[in-house]
Amino acid sequence: MHPISALTLAAALLAAPALQAAQVVIGQVGPMSGLDANQGRAYATGMQLLFTAVNKSGGVNGHTFTLVRKDDGGRPEDTVSVTKSMLSEDKPMVLAGYFGNRNIADLVSSGMLEKERIALVGYRTAEIRAETPLLYNVRANLGDEINKLTEHLATIGITRLGLFHEAGPGAPALLAVAEDSARKARATIISKVAYPPGTAQVSTAVETFLKAAPQAIIMVASGAAAAGFIEQYKASGGTAQLFAHSGADIEQLSKRLA
C-alpha cells in the first residue's frame, strides 16, 4: 500500500468518526493444517470472535473488521508465498496470528513487510527475536518468561535444569538468555538439547535428559514437540518436573497427555 503505510492508515481510520465507514481487513497466514494446526485455528477463532462482537456493537467509529485467513501448513516457504498472494488479492490493512521461528524469520528477511509497509501484530515463535520494524509481539517476552521461571524454581531448591528447544538460527540467542537467567538465579543448565526445526522428533532429547537427570526441564518448543517429548520422557521413566513456555499448545498437550 503506497505511499502511506497500512499501519498509519489504520490508525487514521480508527481514530475518529468516519464520513464513510470502512471495512478493515486483517490477514492471517498460519498453520490451519499440520503439526501446529490447533494453535493456528484457535488463534483465528479468537480473532474472529472479537471482530464479530465489535462489528455487532457498531464497529469502531463505524468501521468494521473482516478476517481473511490462509493456510501455510506450517511451511516457511508457503508463509511467504501465501502472504504475497494475500496482499495482492485481499489487500489486508494489517497481518496477525503468524506462527513458527523460520516462518517469521523468512517473512521478515523477504522484505515484504517493509516493501508493502504493512505490520504484523501478534505472532508465536519459540525463539528470542530482536526488535524488528513492523513486527509487534503482543505476548510476554520469552526472555522474561525464562527469567521468572528459573527464578521461581531456585526459590524451591530446583537449580539443576535442562533446556529443550528447537534448533535453528535463533537458538544461540535463546541459549544465551537461558544461561544468563540461570546464573542470576544461581542455577545451572546442565543439559541443553535441540530437536529438528518444524518436527516433533524428540527421541534423542529424551535419551539425553534421562542420562543427565536434571531436576526440571524447561521446554521452549511447539505444542507437538512438547507433547511428544512429555509422552516419551514419562514413558521412559523420566522424573524431572516439566515446564512449557506460554507459546506451547496447551489444548494439544491436555488432549495427548490426558
C-alpha atoms as a PDB file:
ATOM      1  CA  MET A   1       0.000   0.000   0.000  1.00  0.00           C
ATOM      2  CA  HIS A   2       1.781   3.138  -1.167  1.00  0.00           C
ATOM      3  CA  PRO A   3       2.824   5.793  -0.362  1.00  0.00           C
ATOM      4  CA  ILE A   4       1.160   5.749   3.065  1.00  0.00           C
ATOM      5  CA  SER A   5       1.676   2.710   5.255  1.00  0.00           C
ATOM      6  CA  ALA A   6      -1.172   0.373   6.091  1.00  0.00           C
ATOM      7  CA  LEU A   7      -0.420   0.855   9.773  1.00  0.00           C
ATOM      8  CA  THR A   8      -0.679   4.649   9.537  1.00  0.00           C
ATOM      9  CA  LEU A   9      -3.867   4.382   7.513  1.00  0.00           C
ATOM     10  CA  ALA A  10      -5.402   2.001  10.046  1.00  0.00           C
ATOM     11  CA  ALA A  11      -4.623   4.407  12.865  1.00  0.00           C
ATOM     12  CA  ALA A  12      -6.110   7.298  10.920  1.00  0.00           C
ATOM     13  CA  LEU A  13      -9.265   5.367  10.079  1.00  0.00           C
ATOM     14  CA  LEU A  14      -9.956   4.210  13.611  1.00  0.00           C
ATOM     15  CA  ALA A  15      -9.011   7.374  15.464  1.00  0.00           C
ATOM     16  CA  ALA A  16     -12.073   9.456  14.586  1.00  0.00           C
ATOM     17  CA  PRO A  17     -15.617   9.065  13.266  1.00  0.00           C
ATOM     18  CA  ALA A  18     -15.620   8.490   9.524  1.00  0.00           C
ATOM     19  CA  LEU A  19     -17.605  10.243   6.821  1.00  0.00           C
ATOM     20  CA  GLN A  20     -17.898   6.831   5.204  1.00  0.00           C
ATOM     21  CA  ALA A  21     -17.433   3.621   7.183  1.00  0.00           C
ATOM     22  CA  ALA A  22     -14.620   1.362   6.017  1.00  0.00           C
ATOM     23  CA  GLN A  23     -14.081  -2.372   6.232  1.00  0.00           C
ATOM     24  CA  VAL A  24     -10.742  -3.147   7.846  1.00  0.00           C
ATOM     25  CA  VAL A  25      -9.264  -6.420   6.578  1.00  0.00           C
ATOM     26  CA  ILE A  26      -6.932  -8.367   8.873  1.00  0.00           C
ATOM     27  CA  GLY A  27      -4.893 -11.103   7.224  1.00  0.00           C
ATOM     28  CA  GLN A  28      -3.656 -14.290   8.856  1.00  0.00           C
ATOM     29  CA  VAL A  29      -1.386 -16.819   7.193  1.00  0.00           C
ATOM     30  CA  GLY A  30      -0.846 -19.654   9.638  1.00  0.00           C
ATOM     31  CA  PRO A  31      -0.927 -23.402  10.240  1.00  0.00           C
ATOM     32  CA  MET A  32      -4.546 -24.392   9.640  1.00  0.00           C
ATOM     33  CA  SER A  33      -3.157 -27.870   8.929  1.00  0.00           C
ATOM     34  CA  GLY A  34      -0.013 -29.666  10.080  1.00  0.00           C
ATOM     35  CA  LEU A  35       1.669 -30.037  13.488  1.00  0.00           C
ATOM     36  CA  ASP A  36       0.515 -26.687  14.885  1.00  0.00           C
ATOM     37  CA  ALA A  37      -2.940 -26.599  13.292  1.00  0.00           C
ATOM     38  CA  ASN A  38      -4.699 -26.496  16.669  1.00  0.00           C
ATOM     39  CA  GLN A  39      -2.955 -23.266  17.589  1.00  0.00           C
ATOM     40  CA  GLY A  40      -3.367 -21.689  14.166  1.00  0.00           C
ATOM     41  CA  ARG A  41      -7.083 -22.382  14.058  1.00  0.00           C
ATOM     42  CA  ALA A  42      -7.582 -21.361  17.700  1.00  0.00           C
ATOM     43  CA  TYR A  43      -5.839 -18.038  17.081  1.00  0.00           C
ATOM     44  CA  ALA A  44      -8.086 -17.429  14.090  1.00  0.00           C
ATOM     45  CA  THR A  45     -11.184 -18.345  16.090  1.00  0.00           C
ATOM     46  CA  GLY A  46     -10.208 -15.966  18.877  1.00  0.00           C
ATOM     47  CA  MET A  47      -9.731 -13.081  16.470  1.00  0.00           C
ATOM     48  CA  GLN A  48     -12.996 -13.862  14.680  1.00  0.00           C
ATOM     49  CA  LEU A  49     -14.942 -13.907  17.955  1.00  0.00           C
ATOM     50  CA  LEU A  50     -13.548 -10.488  18.828  1.00  0.00           C
ATOM     51  CA  PHE A  51     -14.253  -8.971  15.422  1.00  0.00           C
ATOM     52  CA  THR A  52     -17.784 -10.391  15.358  1.00  0.00           C
ATOM     53  CA  ALA A  53     -18.531  -8.869  18.766  1.00  0.00           C
ATOM     54  CA  VAL A  54     -17.075  -5.495  17.787  1.00  0.00           C
ATOM     55  CA  ASN A  55     -18.935  -5.458  14.469  1.00  0.00           C
ATOM     56  CA  LYS A  56     -22.253  -6.298  16.161  1.00  0.00           C
ATOM     57  CA  SER A  57     -21.782  -3.352  18.510  1.00  0.00           C
ATOM     58  CA  GLY A  58     -21.321  -0.963  15.591  1.00  0.00           C
ATOM     59  CA  GLY A  59     -17.608  -1.365  14.957  1.00  0.00           C
ATOM     60  CA  VAL A  60     -15.004   1.236  15.903  1.00  0.00           C
ATOM     61  CA  ASN A  61     -16.242   4.658  14.879  1.00  0.00           C
ATOM     62  CA  GLY A  62     -18.375   2.854  12.319  1.00  0.00           C
ATOM     63  CA  HIS A  63     -15.525   0.834  10.841  1.00  0.00           C
ATOM     64  CA  THR A  64     -15.968  -2.961  10.795  1.00  0.00           C
ATOM     65  CA  PHE A  65     -13.448  -5.793  10.702  1.00  0.00           C
ATOM     66  CA  THR A  66     -13.037  -8.793   8.402  1.00  0.00           C
ATOM     67  CA  LEU A  67     -10.602 -11.646   8.990  1.00  0.00           C
ATOM     68  CA  VAL A  68      -9.079 -13.364   5.972  1.00  0.00           C
ATOM     69  CA  ARG A  69      -7.144 -16.482   6.875  1.00  0.00           C
ATOM     70  CA  LYS A  70      -4.950 -18.702   4.713  1.00  0.00           C
ATOM     71  CA  ASP A  71      -3.182 -21.988   5.423  1.00  0.00           C
ATOM     72  CA  ASP A  72       0.597 -22.344   5.184  1.00  0.00           C
ATOM     73  CA  GLY A  73       0.665 -25.823   6.754  1.00  0.00           C
ATOM     74  CA  GLY A  74       3.497 -24.596   8.983  1.00  0.00           C
ATOM     75  CA  ARG A  75       5.836 -24.443   5.968  1.00  0.00           C
ATOM     76  CA  PRO A  76       8.018 -21.279   5.925  1.00  0.00           C
ATOM     77  CA  GLU A  77       8.176 -21.107   2.131  1.00  0.00           C
ATOM     78  CA  ASP A  78       4.383 -21.169   1.993  1.00  0.00           C
ATOM     79  CA  THR A  79       4.130 -18.471   4.647  1.00  0.00           C
ATOM     80  CA  VAL A  80       5.976 -16.079   2.362  1.00  0.00           C
ATOM     81  CA  SER A  81       4.278 -17.039  -0.916  1.00  0.00           C
ATOM     82  CA  VAL A  82       0.762 -17.145   0.539  1.00  0.00           C
ATOM     83  CA  THR A  83       1.280 -13.799   2.263  1.00  0.00           C
ATOM     84  CA  LYS A  84       2.374 -12.287  -1.037  1.00  0.00           C
ATOM     85  CA  SER A  85      -0.786 -13.574  -2.738  1.00  0.00           C
ATOM     86  CA  MET A  86      -2.969 -12.371   0.121  1.00  0.00           C
ATOM     87  CA  LEU A  87      -1.531  -8.867  -0.016  1.00  0.00           C
ATOM     88  CA  SER A  88      -2.301  -8.718  -3.720  1.00  0.00           C
ATOM     89  CA  GLU A  89      -5.745 -10.302  -3.671  1.00  0.00           C
ATOM     90  CA  ASP A  90      -7.297  -9.408  -0.305  1.00  0.00           C
ATOM     91  CA  LYS A  91      -5.409  -6.206   0.495  1.00  0.00           C
ATOM     92  CA  PRO A  92      -5.310  -6.539   4.300  1.00  0.00           C
ATOM     93  CA  MET A  93      -4.548  -3.458   6.359  1.00  0.00           C
ATOM     94  CA  VAL A  94      -2.623  -5.445   8.968  1.00  0.00           C
ATOM     95  CA  LEU A  95      -1.361  -9.022   9.470  1.00  0.00           C
ATOM     96  CA  ALA A  96      -1.818 -11.097  12.635  1.00  0.00           C
ATOM     97  CA  GLY A  97      -1.636 -14.624  14.026  1.00  0.00           C
ATOM     98  CA  TYR A  98       1.512 -15.965  12.343  1.00  0.00           C
ATOM     99  CA  PHE A  99       3.425 -18.960  13.733  1.00  0.00           C
ATOM    100  CA  GLY A 100       6.892 -20.500  13.624  1.00  0.00           C
ATOM    101  CA  ASN A 101      10.518 -19.481  14.065  1.00  0.00           C
ATOM    102  CA  ARG A 102      11.548 -19.889  10.426  1.00  0.00           C
ATOM    103  CA  ASN A 103       8.179 -18.699   9.162  1.00  0.00           C
ATOM    104  CA  ILE A 104       8.555 -15.327  10.861  1.00  0.00           C
ATOM    105  CA  ALA A 105      12.258 -15.089  10.048  1.00  0.00           C
ATOM    106  CA  ASP A 106      11.685 -15.822   6.360  1.00  0.00           C
ATOM    107  CA  LEU A 107       8.808 -13.338   6.164  1.00  0.00           C
ATOM    108  CA  VAL A 108      10.988 -10.610   7.665  1.00  0.00           C
ATOM    109  CA  SER A 109      14.014 -11.443   5.504  1.00  0.00           C
ATOM    110  CA  SER A 110      11.852 -11.396   2.361  1.00  0.00           C
ATOM    111  CA  GLY A 111      11.473  -7.649   2.835  1.00  0.00           C
ATOM    112  CA  MET A 112       7.746  -7.922   2.193  1.00  0.00           C
ATOM    113  CA  LEU A 113       6.649  -6.097   5.342  1.00  0.00           C
ATOM    114  CA  GLU A 114       8.839  -3.088   4.590  1.00  0.00           C
ATOM    115  CA  LYS A 115       8.067  -3.082   0.872  1.00  0.00           C
ATOM    116  CA  GLU A 116       4.312  -3.118   1.438  1.00  0.00           C
ATOM    117  CA  ARG A 117       4.528  -1.057   4.653  1.00  0.00           C
ATOM    118  CA  ILE A 118       2.284  -3.486   6.488  1.00  0.00           C
ATOM    119  CA  ALA A 119       2.628  -4.528  10.133  1.00  0.00           C
ATOM    120  CA  LEU A 120       2.465  -8.000  11.644  1.00  0.00           C
ATOM    121  CA  VAL A 121       0.787  -7.593  15.030  1.00  0.00           C
ATOM    122  CA  GLY A 122       0.775 -10.776  17.099  1.00  0.00           C
ATOM    123  CA  TYR A 123       2.761 -13.921  16.345  1.00  0.00           C
ATOM    124  CA  ARG A 124       4.060 -17.070  18.052  1.00  0.00           C
ATOM    125  CA  THR A 125       7.669 -18.207  17.995  1.00  0.00           C
ATOM    126  CA  ALA A 126       9.904 -20.213  20.308  1.00  0.00           C
ATOM    127  CA  GLU A 127      12.975 -18.018  19.985  1.00  0.00           C
ATOM    128  CA  ILE A 128      14.305 -14.651  21.135  1.00  0.00           C
ATOM    129  CA  ARG A 129      13.727 -12.047  18.435  1.00  0.00           C
ATOM    130  CA  ALA A 130      15.452  -8.698  18.211  1.00  0.00           C
ATOM    131  CA  GLU A 131      13.220  -5.677  17.730  1.00  0.00           C
ATOM    132  CA  THR A 132      12.205  -5.517  14.080  1.00  0.00           C
ATOM    133  CA  PRO A 133      10.374  -2.728  12.247  1.00  0.00           C
ATOM    134  CA  LEU A 134       6.684  -3.502  11.574  1.00  0.00           C
ATOM    135  CA  LEU A 135       6.812  -6.638  13.776  1.00  0.00           C
ATOM    136  CA  TYR A 136       4.904  -6.368  17.045  1.00  0.00           C
ATOM    137  CA  ASN A 137       4.690  -9.021  19.762  1.00  0.00           C
ATOM    138  CA  VAL A 138       1.557  -8.869  21.933  1.00  0.00           C
ATOM    139  CA  ARG A 139       2.588 -11.570  24.394  1.00  0.00           C
ATOM    140  CA  ALA A 140       5.022 -11.793  27.288  1.00  0.00           C
ATOM    141  CA  ASN A 141       8.661 -11.608  26.238  1.00  0.00           C
ATOM    142  CA  LEU A 142      10.174 -15.098  26.062  1.00  0.00           C
ATOM    143  CA  GLY A 143      13.274 -13.919  27.894  1.00  0.00           C
ATOM    144  CA  ASP A 144      11.139 -12.611  30.744  1.00  0.00           C
ATOM    145  CA  GLU A 145       9.277 -15.928  30.926  1.00  0.00           C
ATOM    146  CA  ILE A 146      12.500 -17.916  31.240  1.00  0.00           C
ATOM    147  CA  ASN A 147      13.881 -15.476  33.794  1.00  0.00           C
ATOM    148  CA  LYS A 148      10.782 -15.691  36.008  1.00  0.00           C
ATOM    149  CA  LEU A 149      10.648 -19.472  35.711  1.00  0.00           C
ATOM    150  CA  THR A 150      14.290 -20.062  36.683  1.00  0.00           C
ATOM    151  CA  GLU A 151      13.928 -17.526  39.493  1.00  0.00           C
ATOM    152  CA  HIS A 152      10.872 -19.319  40.893  1.00  0.00           C
ATOM    153  CA  LEU A 153      12.448 -22.777  40.619  1.00  0.00           C
ATOM    154  CA  ALA A 154      15.507 -21.593  42.531  1.00  0.00           C
ATOM    155  CA  THR A 155      13.319 -20.444  45.438  1.00  0.00           C
ATOM    156  CA  ILE A 156      12.089 -24.021  45.894  1.00  0.00           C
ATOM    157  CA  GLY A 157      15.521 -25.558  45.618  1.00  0.00           C
ATOM    158  CA  ILE A 158      15.438 -26.618  41.965  1.00  0.00           C
ATOM    159  CA  THR A 159      18.734 -25.450  40.485  1.00  0.00           C
ATOM    160  CA  ARG A 160      19.817 -28.264  38.125  1.00  0.00           C
ATOM    161  CA  LEU A 161      17.941 -27.511  34.918  1.00  0.00           C
ATOM    162  CA  GLY A 162      17.535 -28.857  31.401  1.00  0.00           C
ATOM    163  CA  LEU A 163      16.528 -26.872  28.323  1.00  0.00           C
ATOM    164  CA  PHE A 164      14.609 -28.482  25.453  1.00  0.00           C
ATOM    165  CA  HIS A 165      14.328 -26.242  22.398  1.00  0.00           C
ATOM    166  CA  GLU A 166      14.048 -26.067  18.628  1.00  0.00           C
ATOM    167  CA  ALA A 167      17.254 -25.942  16.585  1.00  0.00           C
ATOM    168  CA  GLY A 168      17.770 -23.026  14.232  1.00  0.00           C
ATOM    169  CA  PRO A 169      19.405 -19.605  13.775  1.00  0.00           C
ATOM    170  CA  GLY A 170      17.627 -18.234  16.845  1.00  0.00           C
ATOM    171  CA  ALA A 171      18.925 -20.950  19.179  1.00  0.00           C
ATOM    172  CA  PRO A 172      22.162 -19.173  20.266  1.00  0.00           C
ATOM    173  CA  ALA A 173      20.215 -16.126  21.475  1.00  0.00           C
ATOM    174  CA  LEU A 174      17.792 -18.355  23.378  1.00  0.00           C
ATOM    175  CA  LEU A 175      20.637 -20.292  24.987  1.00  0.00           C
ATOM    176  CA  ALA A 176      22.396 -17.063  25.994  1.00  0.00           C
ATOM    177  CA  VAL A 177      19.239 -15.734  27.659  1.00  0.00           C
ATOM    178  CA  ALA A 178      18.626 -19.036  29.442  1.00  0.00           C
ATOM    179  CA  GLU A 179      22.197 -19.222  30.705  1.00  0.00           C
ATOM    180  CA  ASP A 180      22.034 -15.636  31.946  1.00  0.00           C
ATOM    181  CA  SER A 181      18.726 -16.275  33.719  1.00  0.00           C
ATOM    182  CA  ALA A 182      20.133 -19.401  35.360  1.00  0.00           C
ATOM    183  CA  ARG A 183      23.246 -17.541  36.511  1.00  0.00           C
ATOM    184  CA  LYS A 184      21.143 -14.789  38.102  1.00  0.00           C
ATOM    185  CA  ALA A 185      19.082 -17.428  39.915  1.00  0.00           C
ATOM    186  CA  ARG A 186      22.231 -19.287  40.992  1.00  0.00           C
ATOM    187  CA  ALA A 187      21.078 -22.282  38.987  1.00  0.00           C
ATOM    188  CA  THR A 188      22.835 -24.319  36.293  1.00  0.00           C
ATOM    189  CA  ILE A 189      21.579 -25.602  32.963  1.00  0.00           C
ATOM    190  CA  ILE A 190      23.267 -28.986  32.982  1.00  0.00           C
ATOM    191  CA  SER A 191      21.829 -30.186  29.670  1.00  0.00           C
ATOM    192  CA  LYS A 192      20.641 -28.381  26.541  1.00  0.00           C
ATOM    193  CA  VAL A 193      19.061 -30.414  23.720  1.00  0.00           C
ATOM    194  CA  ALA A 194      17.583 -29.216  20.428  1.00  0.00           C
ATOM    195  CA  TYR A 195      15.108 -31.008  18.184  1.00  0.00           C
ATOM    196  CA  PRO A 196      14.992 -30.562  14.363  1.00  0.00           C
ATOM    197  CA  PRO A 197      13.009 -27.446  13.366  1.00  0.00           C
ATOM    198  CA  GLY A 198       9.431 -27.948  12.218  1.00  0.00           C
ATOM    199  CA  THR A 199       9.283 -31.506  13.583  1.00  0.00           C
ATOM    200  CA  ALA A 200       8.304 -33.430  16.695  1.00  0.00           C
ATOM    201  CA  GLN A 201      11.388 -35.687  16.667  1.00  0.00           C
ATOM    202  CA  VAL A 202      12.261 -35.937  20.340  1.00  0.00           C
ATOM    203  CA  SER A 203      13.870 -39.359  20.919  1.00  0.00           C
ATOM    204  CA  THR A 204      17.425 -38.009  21.163  1.00  0.00           C
ATOM    205  CA  ALA A 205      16.326 -35.369  23.645  1.00  0.00           C
ATOM    206  CA  VAL A 206      14.559 -37.933  25.795  1.00  0.00           C
ATOM    207  CA  GLU A 207      17.657 -40.154  25.961  1.00  0.00           C
ATOM    208  CA  THR A 208      19.931 -37.214  26.786  1.00  0.00           C
ATOM    209  CA  PHE A 209      17.773 -35.902  29.626  1.00  0.00           C
ATOM    210  CA  LEU A 210      17.312 -39.362  31.116  1.00  0.00           C
ATOM    211  CA  LYS A 211      21.097 -39.644  31.399  1.00  0.00           C
ATOM    212  CA  ALA A 212      21.671 -36.075  32.633  1.00  0.00           C
ATOM    213  CA  ALA A 213      18.848 -36.257  35.203  1.00  0.00           C
ATOM    214  CA  PRO A 214      18.063 -32.566  35.711  1.00  0.00           C
ATOM    215  CA  GLN A 215      15.584 -31.630  38.434  1.00  0.00           C
ATOM    216  CA  ALA A 216      13.431 -29.695  35.953  1.00  0.00           C
ATOM    217  CA  ILE A 217      13.282 -29.284  32.179  1.00  0.00           C
ATOM    218  CA  ILE A 218      12.198 -26.047  30.527  1.00  0.00           C
ATOM    219  CA  MET A 219      10.564 -26.704  27.152  1.00  0.00           C
ATOM    220  CA  VAL A 220      10.726 -23.856  24.641  1.00  0.00           C
ATOM    221  CA  ALA A 221       9.054 -25.856  21.907  1.00  0.00           C
ATOM    222  CA  SER A 222       5.983 -26.210  19.739  1.00  0.00           C
ATOM    223  CA  GLY A 223       2.936 -27.905  21.213  1.00  0.00           C
ATOM    224  CA  ALA A 224       3.512 -31.021  19.113  1.00  0.00           C
ATOM    225  CA  ALA A 225       7.166 -31.321  20.108  1.00  0.00           C
ATOM    226  CA  ALA A 226       6.432 -30.623  23.777  1.00  0.00           C
ATOM    227  CA  ALA A 227       3.619 -33.179  23.884  1.00  0.00           C
ATOM    228  CA  GLY A 228       5.729 -35.810  22.136  1.00  0.00           C
ATOM    229  CA  PHE A 229       8.633 -35.171  24.483  1.00  0.00           C
ATOM    230  CA  ILE A 230       6.478 -35.424  27.629  1.00  0.00           C
ATOM    231  CA  GLU A 231       4.882 -38.670  26.435  1.00  0.00           C
ATOM    232  CA  GLN A 232       8.182 -40.367  25.649  1.00  0.00           C
ATOM    233  CA  TYR A 233      10.058 -38.963  28.636  1.00  0.00           C
ATOM    234  CA  LYS A 234       7.429 -40.060  31.162  1.00  0.00           C
ATOM    235  CA  ALA A 235       7.013 -43.456  29.500  1.00  0.00           C
ATOM    236  CA  SER A 236      10.774 -43.968  29.783  1.00  0.00           C
ATOM    237  CA  GLY A 237      10.774 -43.252  33.498  1.00  0.00           C
ATOM    238  CA  GLY A 238      11.803 -39.595  33.479  1.00  0.00           C
ATOM    239  CA  THR A 239      11.173 -37.868  36.808  1.00  0.00           C
ATOM    240  CA  ALA A 240      12.125 -34.228  36.232  1.00  0.00           C
ATOM    241  CA  GLN A 241       9.475 -31.552  36.595  1.00  0.00           C
ATOM    242  CA  LEU A 242       8.451 -30.249  33.166  1.00  0.00           C
ATOM    243  CA  PHE A 243       7.621 -26.655  32.261  1.00  0.00           C
ATOM    244  CA  ALA A 244       6.464 -25.409  28.842  1.00  0.00           C
ATOM    245  CA  HIS A 245       6.687 -21.791  27.707  1.00  0.00           C
ATOM    246  CA  SER A 246       3.433 -19.939  27.043  1.00  0.00           C
ATOM    247  CA  GLY A 247       3.599 -20.417  23.281  1.00  0.00           C
ATOM    248  CA  ALA A 248       3.089 -24.183  23.541  1.00  0.00           C
ATOM    249  CA  ASP A 249      -0.315 -25.527  22.528  1.00  0.00           C
ATOM    250  CA  ILE A 250      -1.989 -26.255  25.861  1.00  0.00           C
ATOM    251  CA  GLU A 251      -5.042 -27.833  24.193  1.00  0.00           C
ATOM    252  CA  GLN A 252      -2.867 -30.328  22.334  1.00  0.00           C
ATOM    253  CA  LEU A 253      -0.868 -31.056  25.476  1.00  0.00           C
ATOM    254  CA  SER A 254      -4.002 -31.743  27.525  1.00  0.00           C
ATOM    255  CA  LYS A 255      -5.544 -33.993  24.871  1.00  0.00           C
ATOM    256  CA  ARG A 256      -2.435 -36.089  24.326  1.00  0.00           C
ATOM    257  CA  LEU A 257      -1.469 -36.336  27.977  1.00  0.00           C
ATOM    258  CA  ALA A 258      -4.926 -36.980  29.471  1.00  0.00           C
END
